[in-house]
C-alpha cells in the first residue's frame, strides 16, 4: 500500500447513462423529461 500511494493517479473515469439521456432530452416530451429529472 505504501508503494502504491506514491504512484501517479489515473485520470478519473465517468460512465453515467442518465447523462446520455439528458444529452438528447430534446427528443423527449415535457412529461418524459420531467420524469427523468425527478427520478
ModelCIF file with pLDDT and N, C-alpha, C, O atoms, coordinates in Angstrom:
data_MODEL
#
_entry.id   MODEL 
#
_entity.id                         1 
_entity.type                       polymer 
_entity.pdbx_number_of_molecules   1 
#
_entity_poly.entity_id                      1 
_entity_poly.type                           'polypeptide(L)' 
_entity_poly.nstd_linkage                   no 
_entity_poly.nstd_monomer                   no 
_entity_poly.pdbx_seq_one_letter_code       
;(UNK)(UNK)(UNK)(UNK)(UNK)(UNK)(UNK)(UNK)(UNK)(UNK)(UNK)(UNK)(UNK)(UNK)(UNK)(UNK)
(UNK)(UNK)(UNK)(UNK)(UNK)(UNK)(UNK)(UNK)(UNK)(UNK)(UNK)(UNK)(UNK)(UNK)(UNK)(UNK)
(UNK)(UNK)(UNK)(UNK)(UNK)(UNK)(UNK)
;
_entity_poly.pdbx_seq_one_letter_code_can   XXXXXXXXXXXXXXXXXXXXXXXXXXXXXXXXXXXXXXX 
_entity_poly.pdbx_strand_id                 A 
#
loop_
_entity_poly_seq.entity_id 
_entity_poly_seq.num 
_entity_poly_seq.mon_id 
_entity_poly_seq.hetero 
1 1  UNK n 
1 2  UNK n 
1 3  UNK n 
1 4  UNK n 
1 5  UNK n 
1 6  UNK n 
1 7  UNK n 
1 8  UNK n 
1 9  UNK n 
1 10 UNK n 
1 11 UNK n 
1 12 UNK n 
1 13 UNK n 
1 14 UNK n 
1 15 UNK n 
1 16 UNK n 
1 17 UNK n 
1 18 UNK n 
1 19 UNK n 
1 20 UNK n 
1 21 UNK n 
1 22 UNK n 
1 23 UNK n 
1 24 UNK n 
1 25 UNK n 
1 26 UNK n 
1 27 UNK n 
1 28 UNK n 
1 29 UNK n 
1 30 UNK n 
1 31 UNK n 
1 32 UNK n 
1 33 UNK n 
1 34 UNK n 
1 35 UNK n 
1 36 UNK n 
1 37 UNK n 
1 38 UNK n 
1 39 UNK n 
#
_struct_asym.id          A 
_struct_asym.entity_id   1 
#
loop_
_ma_qa_metric.id 
_ma_qa_metric.mode 
_ma_qa_metric.name 
_ma_qa_metric.software_group_id 
_ma_qa_metric.type 
1 global pLDDT . pLDDT 
2 local  pLDDT . pLDDT 
#
_ma_qa_metric_global.metric_id      1 
_ma_qa_metric_global.metric_value   93.10 
_ma_qa_metric_global.model_id       1 
_ma_qa_metric_global.ordinal_id     1 
#
loop_
_ma_qa_metric_local.label_asym_id 
_ma_qa_metric_local.label_comp_id 
_ma_qa_metric_local.label_seq_id 
_ma_qa_metric_local.metric_id 
_ma_qa_metric_local.metric_value 
_ma_qa_metric_local.model_id 
_ma_qa_metric_local.ordinal_id 
A UNK 1  2 95.00 1 1  
A UNK 2  2 94.00 1 2  
A UNK 3  2 95.00 1 3  
A UNK 4  2 94.00 1 4  
A UNK 5  2 93.00 1 5  
A UNK 6  2 94.00 1 6  
A UNK 7  2 93.00 1 7  
A UNK 8  2 92.00 1 8  
A UNK 9  2 91.00 1 9  
A UNK 10 2 88.00 1 10 
A UNK 11 2 88.00 1 11 
A UNK 12 2 85.00 1 12 
A UNK 13 2 83.00 1 13 
A UNK 14 2 82.00 1 14 
A UNK 15 2 85.00 1 15 
A UNK 16 2 90.00 1 16 
A UNK 17 2 93.00 1 17 
A UNK 18 2 95.00 1 18 
A UNK 19 2 94.00 1 19 
A UNK 20 2 94.00 1 20 
A UNK 21 2 95.00 1 21 
A UNK 22 2 96.00 1 22 
A UNK 23 2 94.00 1 23 
A UNK 24 2 95.00 1 24 
A UNK 25 2 95.00 1 25 
A UNK 26 2 92.00 1 26 
A UNK 27 2 94.00 1 27 
A UNK 28 2 95.00 1 28 
A UNK 29 2 94.00 1 29 
A UNK 30 2 95.00 1 30 
A UNK 31 2 95.00 1 31 
A UNK 32 2 96.00 1 32 
A UNK 33 2 96.00 1 33 
A UNK 34 2 96.00 1 34 
A UNK 35 2 97.00 1 35 
A UNK 36 2 97.00 1 36 
A UNK 37 2 97.00 1 37 
A UNK 38 2 97.00 1 38 
A UNK 39 2 97.00 1 39 
#
loop_
_atom_site.group_PDB 
_atom_site.id 
_atom_site.type_symbol 
_atom_site.label_atom_id 
_atom_site.label_alt_id 
_atom_site.label_comp_id 
_atom_site.label_asym_id 
_atom_site.label_entity_id 
_atom_site.label_seq_id 
_atom_site.pdbx_PDB_ins_code 
_atom_site.Cartn_x 
_atom_site.Cartn_y 
_atom_site.Cartn_z 
_atom_site.occupancy 
_atom_site.B_iso_or_equiv 
_atom_site.pdbx_formal_charge 
_atom_site.auth_seq_id 
_atom_site.auth_comp_id 
_atom_site.auth_asym_id 
_atom_site.auth_atom_id 
_atom_site.pdbx_PDB_model_num 
ATOM 1   N N  . UNK A 1 1  ? 0.847   -1.201 0.000   1.00 95.00 ? 1  UNK A N  1 
ATOM 2   C CA . UNK A 1 1  ? 0.000   0.000  0.000   1.00 95.00 ? 1  UNK A CA 1 
ATOM 3   C C  . UNK A 1 1  ? 0.878   1.247  0.000   1.00 95.00 ? 1  UNK A C  1 
ATOM 4   O O  . UNK A 1 1  ? 0.614   2.198  -0.735  1.00 95.00 ? 1  UNK A O  1 
ATOM 5   N N  . UNK A 1 2  ? 1.921   1.239  0.823   1.00 94.00 ? 2  UNK A N  1 
ATOM 6   C CA . UNK A 1 2  ? 2.832   2.393  0.889   1.00 94.00 ? 2  UNK A CA 1 
ATOM 7   C C  . UNK A 1 2  ? 3.477   2.663  -0.467  1.00 94.00 ? 2  UNK A C  1 
ATOM 8   O O  . UNK A 1 2  ? 3.633   3.818  -0.862  1.00 94.00 ? 2  UNK A O  1 
ATOM 9   N N  . UNK A 1 3  ? 3.849   1.612  -1.176  1.00 95.00 ? 3  UNK A N  1 
ATOM 10  C CA . UNK A 1 3  ? 4.418   1.777  -2.527  1.00 95.00 ? 3  UNK A CA 1 
ATOM 11  C C  . UNK A 1 3  ? 3.384   2.343  -3.489  1.00 95.00 ? 3  UNK A C  1 
ATOM 12  O O  . UNK A 1 3  ? 3.686   3.239  -4.276  1.00 95.00 ? 3  UNK A O  1 
ATOM 13  N N  . UNK A 1 4  ? 2.169   1.821  -3.424  1.00 94.00 ? 4  UNK A N  1 
ATOM 14  C CA . UNK A 1 4  ? 1.100   2.250  -4.337  1.00 94.00 ? 4  UNK A CA 1 
ATOM 15  C C  . UNK A 1 4  ? 0.717   3.712  -4.109  1.00 94.00 ? 4  UNK A C  1 
ATOM 16  O O  . UNK A 1 4  ? 0.389   4.424  -5.058  1.00 94.00 ? 4  UNK A O  1 
ATOM 17  N N  . UNK A 1 5  ? 0.758   4.157  -2.858  1.00 93.00 ? 5  UNK A N  1 
ATOM 18  C CA . UNK A 1 5  ? 0.361   5.521  -2.532  1.00 93.00 ? 5  UNK A CA 1 
ATOM 19  C C  . UNK A 1 5  ? 1.182   6.575  -3.254  1.00 93.00 ? 5  UNK A C  1 
ATOM 20  O O  . UNK A 1 5  ? 0.682   7.666  -3.524  1.00 93.00 ? 5  UNK A O  1 
ATOM 21  N N  . UNK A 1 6  ? 2.426   6.272  -3.569  1.00 94.00 ? 6  UNK A N  1 
ATOM 22  C CA . UNK A 1 6  ? 3.281   7.268  -4.233  1.00 94.00 ? 6  UNK A CA 1 
ATOM 23  C C  . UNK A 1 6  ? 3.194   7.200  -5.756  1.00 94.00 ? 6  UNK A C  1 
ATOM 24  O O  . UNK A 1 6  ? 3.775   8.040  -6.444  1.00 94.00 ? 6  UNK A O  1 
ATOM 25  N N  . UNK A 1 7  ? 2.484   6.222  -6.286  1.00 93.00 ? 7  UNK A N  1 
ATOM 26  C CA . UNK A 1 7  ? 2.299   6.137  -7.733  1.00 93.00 ? 7  UNK A CA 1 
ATOM 27  C C  . UNK A 1 7  ? 1.358   7.240  -8.200  1.00 93.00 ? 7  UNK A C  1 
ATOM 28  O O  . UNK A 1 7  ? 0.501   7.703  -7.446  1.00 93.00 ? 7  UNK A O  1 
ATOM 29  N N  . UNK A 1 8  ? 1.527   7.652  -9.449  1.00 92.00 ? 8  UNK A N  1 
ATOM 30  C CA . UNK A 1 8  ? 0.650   8.678  -10.019 1.00 92.00 ? 8  UNK A CA 1 
ATOM 31  C C  . UNK A 1 8  ? -0.763  8.122  -10.199 1.00 92.00 ? 8  UNK A C  1 
ATOM 32  O O  . UNK A 1 8  ? -0.945  6.977  -10.613 1.00 92.00 ? 8  UNK A O  1 
ATOM 33  N N  . UNK A 1 9  ? -1.747  8.945  -9.884  1.00 91.00 ? 9  UNK A N  1 
ATOM 34  C CA . UNK A 1 9  ? -3.143  8.545  -10.039 1.00 91.00 ? 9  UNK A CA 1 
ATOM 35  C C  . UNK A 1 9  ? -3.561  8.567  -11.501 1.00 91.00 ? 9  UNK A C  1 
ATOM 36  O O  . UNK A 1 9  ? -3.104  9.400  -12.283 1.00 91.00 ? 9  UNK A O  1 
ATOM 37  N N  . UNK A 1 10 ? -4.430  7.644  -11.850 1.00 88.00 ? 10 UNK A N  1 
ATOM 38  C CA . UNK A 1 10 ? -5.024  7.650  -13.180 1.00 88.00 ? 10 UNK A CA 1 
ATOM 39  C C  . UNK A 1 10 ? -6.095  8.727  -13.223 1.00 88.00 ? 10 UNK A C  1 
ATOM 40  O O  . UNK A 1 10 ? -6.635  9.112  -12.185 1.00 88.00 ? 10 UNK A O  1 
ATOM 41  N N  . UNK A 1 11 ? -6.407  9.217  -14.425 1.00 88.00 ? 11 UNK A N  1 
ATOM 42  C CA . UNK A 1 11 ? -7.480  10.203 -14.570 1.00 88.00 ? 11 UNK A CA 1 
ATOM 43  C C  . UNK A 1 11 ? -8.804  9.562  -14.160 1.00 88.00 ? 11 UNK A C  1 
ATOM 44  O O  . UNK A 1 11 ? -9.038  8.393  -14.467 1.00 88.00 ? 11 UNK A O  1 
ATOM 45  N N  . UNK A 1 12 ? -9.679  10.308 -13.468 1.00 85.00 ? 12 UNK A N  1 
ATOM 46  C CA . UNK A 1 12 ? -10.965 9.730  -13.076 1.00 85.00 ? 12 UNK A CA 1 
ATOM 47  C C  . UNK A 1 12 ? -11.814 9.393  -14.296 1.00 85.00 ? 12 UNK A C  1 
ATOM 48  O O  . UNK A 1 12 ? -11.739 10.060 -15.328 1.00 85.00 ? 12 UNK A O  1 
ATOM 49  N N  . UNK A 1 13 ? -12.614 8.357  -14.157 1.00 83.00 ? 13 UNK A N  1 
ATOM 50  C CA . UNK A 1 13 ? -13.481 7.969  -15.264 1.00 83.00 ? 13 UNK A CA 1 
ATOM 51  C C  . UNK A 1 13 ? -14.924 8.235  -14.877 1.00 83.00 ? 13 UNK A C  1 
ATOM 52  O O  . UNK A 1 13 ? -15.269 8.303  -13.697 1.00 83.00 ? 13 UNK A O  1 
ATOM 53  N N  . UNK A 1 14 ? -15.753 8.383  -15.887 1.00 82.00 ? 14 UNK A N  1 
ATOM 54  C CA . UNK A 1 14 ? -17.165 8.623  -15.628 1.00 82.00 ? 14 UNK A CA 1 
ATOM 55  C C  . UNK A 1 14 ? -18.000 7.866  -16.647 1.00 82.00 ? 14 UNK A C  1 
ATOM 56  O O  . UNK A 1 14 ? -17.738 7.923  -17.849 1.00 82.00 ? 14 UNK A O  1 
ATOM 57  N N  . UNK A 1 15 ? -18.996 7.166  -16.162 1.00 85.00 ? 15 UNK A N  1 
ATOM 58  C CA . UNK A 1 15 ? -19.965 6.483  -17.017 1.00 85.00 ? 15 UNK A CA 1 
ATOM 59  C C  . UNK A 1 15 ? -21.323 6.706  -16.382 1.00 85.00 ? 15 UNK A C  1 
ATOM 60  O O  . UNK A 1 15 ? -21.594 6.196  -15.295 1.00 85.00 ? 15 UNK A O  1 
ATOM 61  N N  . UNK A 1 16 ? -22.171 7.456  -17.044 1.00 90.00 ? 16 UNK A N  1 
ATOM 62  C CA . UNK A 1 16 ? -23.467 7.784  -16.470 1.00 90.00 ? 16 UNK A CA 1 
ATOM 63  C C  . UNK A 1 16 ? -24.523 7.769  -17.564 1.00 90.00 ? 16 UNK A C  1 
ATOM 64  O O  . UNK A 1 16 ? -24.613 8.695  -18.371 1.00 90.00 ? 16 UNK A O  1 
ATOM 65  N N  . UNK A 1 17 ? -25.313 6.714  -17.581 1.00 93.00 ? 17 UNK A N  1 
ATOM 66  C CA . UNK A 1 17 ? -26.365 6.539  -18.584 1.00 93.00 ? 17 UNK A CA 1 
ATOM 67  C C  . UNK A 1 17 ? -27.347 7.711  -18.563 1.00 93.00 ? 17 UNK A C  1 
ATOM 68  O O  . UNK A 1 17 ? -27.833 8.136  -19.611 1.00 93.00 ? 17 UNK A O  1 
ATOM 69  N N  . UNK A 1 18 ? -27.634 8.225  -17.383 1.00 95.00 ? 18 UNK A N  1 
ATOM 70  C CA . UNK A 1 18 ? -28.538 9.360  -17.233 1.00 95.00 ? 18 UNK A CA 1 
ATOM 71  C C  . UNK A 1 18 ? -28.074 10.540 -18.081 1.00 95.00 ? 18 UNK A C  1 
ATOM 72  O O  . UNK A 1 18 ? -28.883 11.172 -18.761 1.00 95.00 ? 18 UNK A O  1 
ATOM 73  N N  . UNK A 1 19 ? -26.784 10.839 -18.046 1.00 94.00 ? 19 UNK A N  1 
ATOM 74  C CA . UNK A 1 19 ? -26.268 11.985 -18.798 1.00 94.00 ? 19 UNK A CA 1 
ATOM 75  C C  . UNK A 1 19 ? -26.388 11.779 -20.307 1.00 94.00 ? 19 UNK A C  1 
ATOM 76  O O  . UNK A 1 19 ? -26.570 12.743 -21.050 1.00 94.00 ? 19 UNK A O  1 
ATOM 77  N N  . UNK A 1 20 ? -26.287 10.544 -20.758 1.00 94.00 ? 20 UNK A N  1 
ATOM 78  C CA . UNK A 1 20 ? -26.503 10.263 -22.179 1.00 94.00 ? 20 UNK A CA 1 
ATOM 79  C C  . UNK A 1 20 ? -27.938 10.588 -22.560 1.00 94.00 ? 20 UNK A C  1 
ATOM 80  O O  . UNK A 1 20 ? -28.191 11.108 -23.647 1.00 94.00 ? 20 UNK A O  1 
ATOM 81  N N  . UNK A 1 21 ? -28.879 10.283 -21.673 1.00 95.00 ? 21 UNK A N  1 
ATOM 82  C CA . UNK A 1 21 ? -30.290 10.583 -21.925 1.00 95.00 ? 21 UNK A CA 1 
ATOM 83  C C  . UNK A 1 21 ? -30.542 12.087 -21.878 1.00 95.00 ? 21 UNK A C  1 
ATOM 84  O O  . UNK A 1 21 ? -31.318 12.614 -22.675 1.00 95.00 ? 21 UNK A O  1 
ATOM 85  N N  . UNK A 1 22 ? -29.894 12.772 -20.952 1.00 96.00 ? 22 UNK A N  1 
ATOM 86  C CA . UNK A 1 22 ? -30.028 14.231 -20.876 1.00 96.00 ? 22 UNK A CA 1 
ATOM 87  C C  . UNK A 1 22 ? -29.493 14.869 -22.158 1.00 96.00 ? 22 UNK A C  1 
ATOM 88  O O  . UNK A 1 22 ? -30.039 15.862 -22.639 1.00 96.00 ? 22 UNK A O  1 
ATOM 89  N N  . UNK A 1 23 ? -28.454 14.309 -22.691 1.00 94.00 ? 23 UNK A N  1 
ATOM 90  C CA . UNK A 1 23 ? -27.845 14.854 -23.912 1.00 94.00 ? 23 UNK A CA 1 
ATOM 91  C C  . UNK A 1 23 ? -28.860 14.949 -25.051 1.00 94.00 ? 23 UNK A C  1 
ATOM 92  O O  . UNK A 1 23 ? -28.778 15.854 -25.881 1.00 94.00 ? 23 UNK A O  1 
ATOM 93  N N  . UNK A 1 24 ? -29.807 14.029 -25.092 1.00 95.00 ? 24 UNK A N  1 
ATOM 94  C CA . UNK A 1 24 ? -30.829 14.031 -26.148 1.00 95.00 ? 24 UNK A CA 1 
ATOM 95  C C  . UNK A 1 24 ? -32.213 14.336 -25.568 1.00 95.00 ? 24 UNK A C  1 
ATOM 96  O O  . UNK A 1 24 ? -33.225 13.846 -26.071 1.00 95.00 ? 24 UNK A O  1 
ATOM 97  N N  . UNK A 1 25 ? -32.250 15.135 -24.523 1.00 95.00 ? 25 UNK A N  1 
ATOM 98  C CA . UNK A 1 25 ? -33.517 15.441 -23.856 1.00 95.00 ? 25 UNK A CA 1 
ATOM 99  C C  . UNK A 1 25 ? -34.492 16.159 -24.787 1.00 95.00 ? 25 UNK A C  1 
ATOM 100 O O  . UNK A 1 25 ? -35.702 16.119 -24.563 1.00 95.00 ? 25 UNK A O  1 
ATOM 101 N N  . UNK A 1 26 ? -33.987 16.801 -25.809 1.00 92.00 ? 26 UNK A N  1 
ATOM 102 C CA . UNK A 1 26 ? -34.845 17.488 -26.774 1.00 92.00 ? 26 UNK A CA 1 
ATOM 103 C C  . UNK A 1 26 ? -35.756 16.506 -27.509 1.00 92.00 ? 26 UNK A C  1 
ATOM 104 O O  . UNK A 1 26 ? -36.773 16.914 -28.069 1.00 92.00 ? 26 UNK A O  1 
ATOM 105 N N  . UNK A 1 27 ? -35.408 15.226 -27.516 1.00 94.00 ? 27 UNK A N  1 
ATOM 106 C CA . UNK A 1 27 ? -36.250 14.217 -28.166 1.00 94.00 ? 27 UNK A CA 1 
ATOM 107 C C  . UNK A 1 27 ? -37.425 13.797 -27.283 1.00 94.00 ? 27 UNK A C  1 
ATOM 108 O O  . UNK A 1 27 ? -38.347 13.129 -27.750 1.00 94.00 ? 27 UNK A O  1 
ATOM 109 N N  . UNK A 1 28 ? -37.391 14.182 -26.027 1.00 95.00 ? 28 UNK A N  1 
ATOM 110 C CA . UNK A 1 28 ? -38.442 13.785 -25.085 1.00 95.00 ? 28 UNK A CA 1 
ATOM 111 C C  . UNK A 1 28 ? -39.521 14.858 -25.021 1.00 95.00 ? 28 UNK A C  1 
ATOM 112 O O  . UNK A 1 28 ? -39.270 16.037 -25.272 1.00 95.00 ? 28 UNK A O  1 
ATOM 113 N N  . UNK A 1 29 ? -40.728 14.418 -24.677 1.00 94.00 ? 29 UNK A N  1 
ATOM 114 C CA . UNK A 1 29 ? -41.749 15.426 -24.394 1.00 94.00 ? 29 UNK A CA 1 
ATOM 115 C C  . UNK A 1 29 ? -41.527 15.922 -22.960 1.00 94.00 ? 29 UNK A C  1 
ATOM 116 O O  . UNK A 1 29 ? -40.714 15.369 -22.220 1.00 94.00 ? 29 UNK A O  1 
ATOM 117 N N  . UNK A 1 30 ? -42.257 16.964 -22.585 1.00 95.00 ? 30 UNK A N  1 
ATOM 118 C CA . UNK A 1 30 ? -42.067 17.599 -21.283 1.00 95.00 ? 30 UNK A CA 1 
ATOM 119 C C  . UNK A 1 30 ? -42.236 16.596 -20.135 1.00 95.00 ? 30 UNK A C  1 
ATOM 120 O O  . UNK A 1 30 ? -41.465 16.610 -19.176 1.00 95.00 ? 30 UNK A O  1 
ATOM 121 N N  . UNK A 1 31 ? -43.236 15.737 -20.236 1.00 95.00 ? 31 UNK A N  1 
ATOM 122 C CA . UNK A 1 31 ? -43.502 14.753 -19.182 1.00 95.00 ? 31 UNK A CA 1 
ATOM 123 C C  . UNK A 1 31 ? -42.344 13.763 -19.028 1.00 95.00 ? 31 UNK A C  1 
ATOM 124 O O  . UNK A 1 31 ? -41.926 13.462 -17.910 1.00 95.00 ? 31 UNK A O  1 
ATOM 125 N N  . UNK A 1 32 ? -41.834 13.265 -20.142 1.00 96.00 ? 32 UNK A N  1 
ATOM 126 C CA . UNK A 1 32 ? -40.702 12.317 -20.082 1.00 96.00 ? 32 UNK A CA 1 
ATOM 127 C C  . UNK A 1 32 ? -39.474 12.986 -19.479 1.00 96.00 ? 32 UNK A C  1 
ATOM 128 O O  . UNK A 1 32 ? -38.786 12.396 -18.645 1.00 96.00 ? 32 UNK A O  1 
ATOM 129 N N  . UNK A 1 33 ? -39.203 14.202 -19.895 1.00 96.00 ? 33 UNK A N  1 
ATOM 130 C CA . UNK A 1 33 ? -38.040 14.927 -19.376 1.00 96.00 ? 33 UNK A CA 1 
ATOM 131 C C  . UNK A 1 33 ? -38.188 15.159 -17.871 1.00 96.00 ? 33 UNK A C  1 
ATOM 132 O O  . UNK A 1 33 ? -37.234 15.003 -17.109 1.00 96.00 ? 33 UNK A O  1 
ATOM 133 N N  . UNK A 1 34 ? -39.392 15.533 -17.462 1.00 96.00 ? 34 UNK A N  1 
ATOM 134 C CA . UNK A 1 34 ? -39.648 15.759 -16.037 1.00 96.00 ? 34 UNK A CA 1 
ATOM 135 C C  . UNK A 1 34 ? -39.469 14.477 -15.237 1.00 96.00 ? 34 UNK A C  1 
ATOM 136 O O  . UNK A 1 34 ? -38.864 14.498 -14.165 1.00 96.00 ? 34 UNK A O  1 
ATOM 137 N N  . UNK A 1 35 ? -39.982 13.373 -15.737 1.00 97.00 ? 35 UNK A N  1 
ATOM 138 C CA . UNK A 1 35 ? -39.829 12.089 -15.041 1.00 97.00 ? 35 UNK A CA 1 
ATOM 139 C C  . UNK A 1 35 ? -38.359 11.697 -14.920 1.00 97.00 ? 35 UNK A C  1 
ATOM 140 O O  . UNK A 1 35 ? -37.924 11.209 -13.877 1.00 97.00 ? 35 UNK A O  1 
ATOM 141 N N  . UNK A 1 36 ? -37.603 11.911 -15.988 1.00 97.00 ? 36 UNK A N  1 
ATOM 142 C CA . UNK A 1 36 ? -36.167 11.603 -15.960 1.00 97.00 ? 36 UNK A CA 1 
ATOM 143 C C  . UNK A 1 36 ? -35.480 12.392 -14.850 1.00 97.00 ? 36 UNK A C  1 
ATOM 144 O O  . UNK A 1 36 ? -34.727 11.834 -14.051 1.00 97.00 ? 36 UNK A O  1 
ATOM 145 N N  . UNK A 1 37 ? -35.743 13.682 -14.810 1.00 97.00 ? 37 UNK A N  1 
ATOM 146 C CA . UNK A 1 37 ? -35.104 14.536 -13.806 1.00 97.00 ? 37 UNK A CA 1 
ATOM 147 C C  . UNK A 1 37 ? -35.621 14.240 -12.399 1.00 97.00 ? 37 UNK A C  1 
ATOM 148 O O  . UNK A 1 37 ? -34.848 14.261 -11.442 1.00 97.00 ? 37 UNK A O  1 
ATOM 149 N N  . UNK A 1 38 ? -36.902 13.968 -12.266 1.00 97.00 ? 38 UNK A N  1 
ATOM 150 C CA . UNK A 1 38 ? -37.470 13.700 -10.943 1.00 97.00 ? 38 UNK A CA 1 
ATOM 151 C C  . UNK A 1 38 ? -36.927 12.397 -10.349 1.00 97.00 ? 38 UNK A C  1 
ATOM 152 O O  . UNK A 1 38 ? -36.704 12.308 -9.142  1.00 97.00 ? 38 UNK A O  1 
ATOM 153 N N  . UNK A 1 39 ? -36.720 11.404 -11.187 1.00 97.00 ? 39 UNK A N  1 
ATOM 154 C CA . UNK A 1 39 ? -36.118 10.153 -10.708 1.00 97.00 ? 39 UNK A CA 1 
ATOM 155 C C  . UNK A 1 39 ? -34.717 10.416 -10.165 1.00 97.00 ? 39 UNK A C  1 
ATOM 156 O O  . UNK A 1 39 ? -34.046 9.487  -9.715  1.00 97.00 ? 39 UNK A O  1 
#
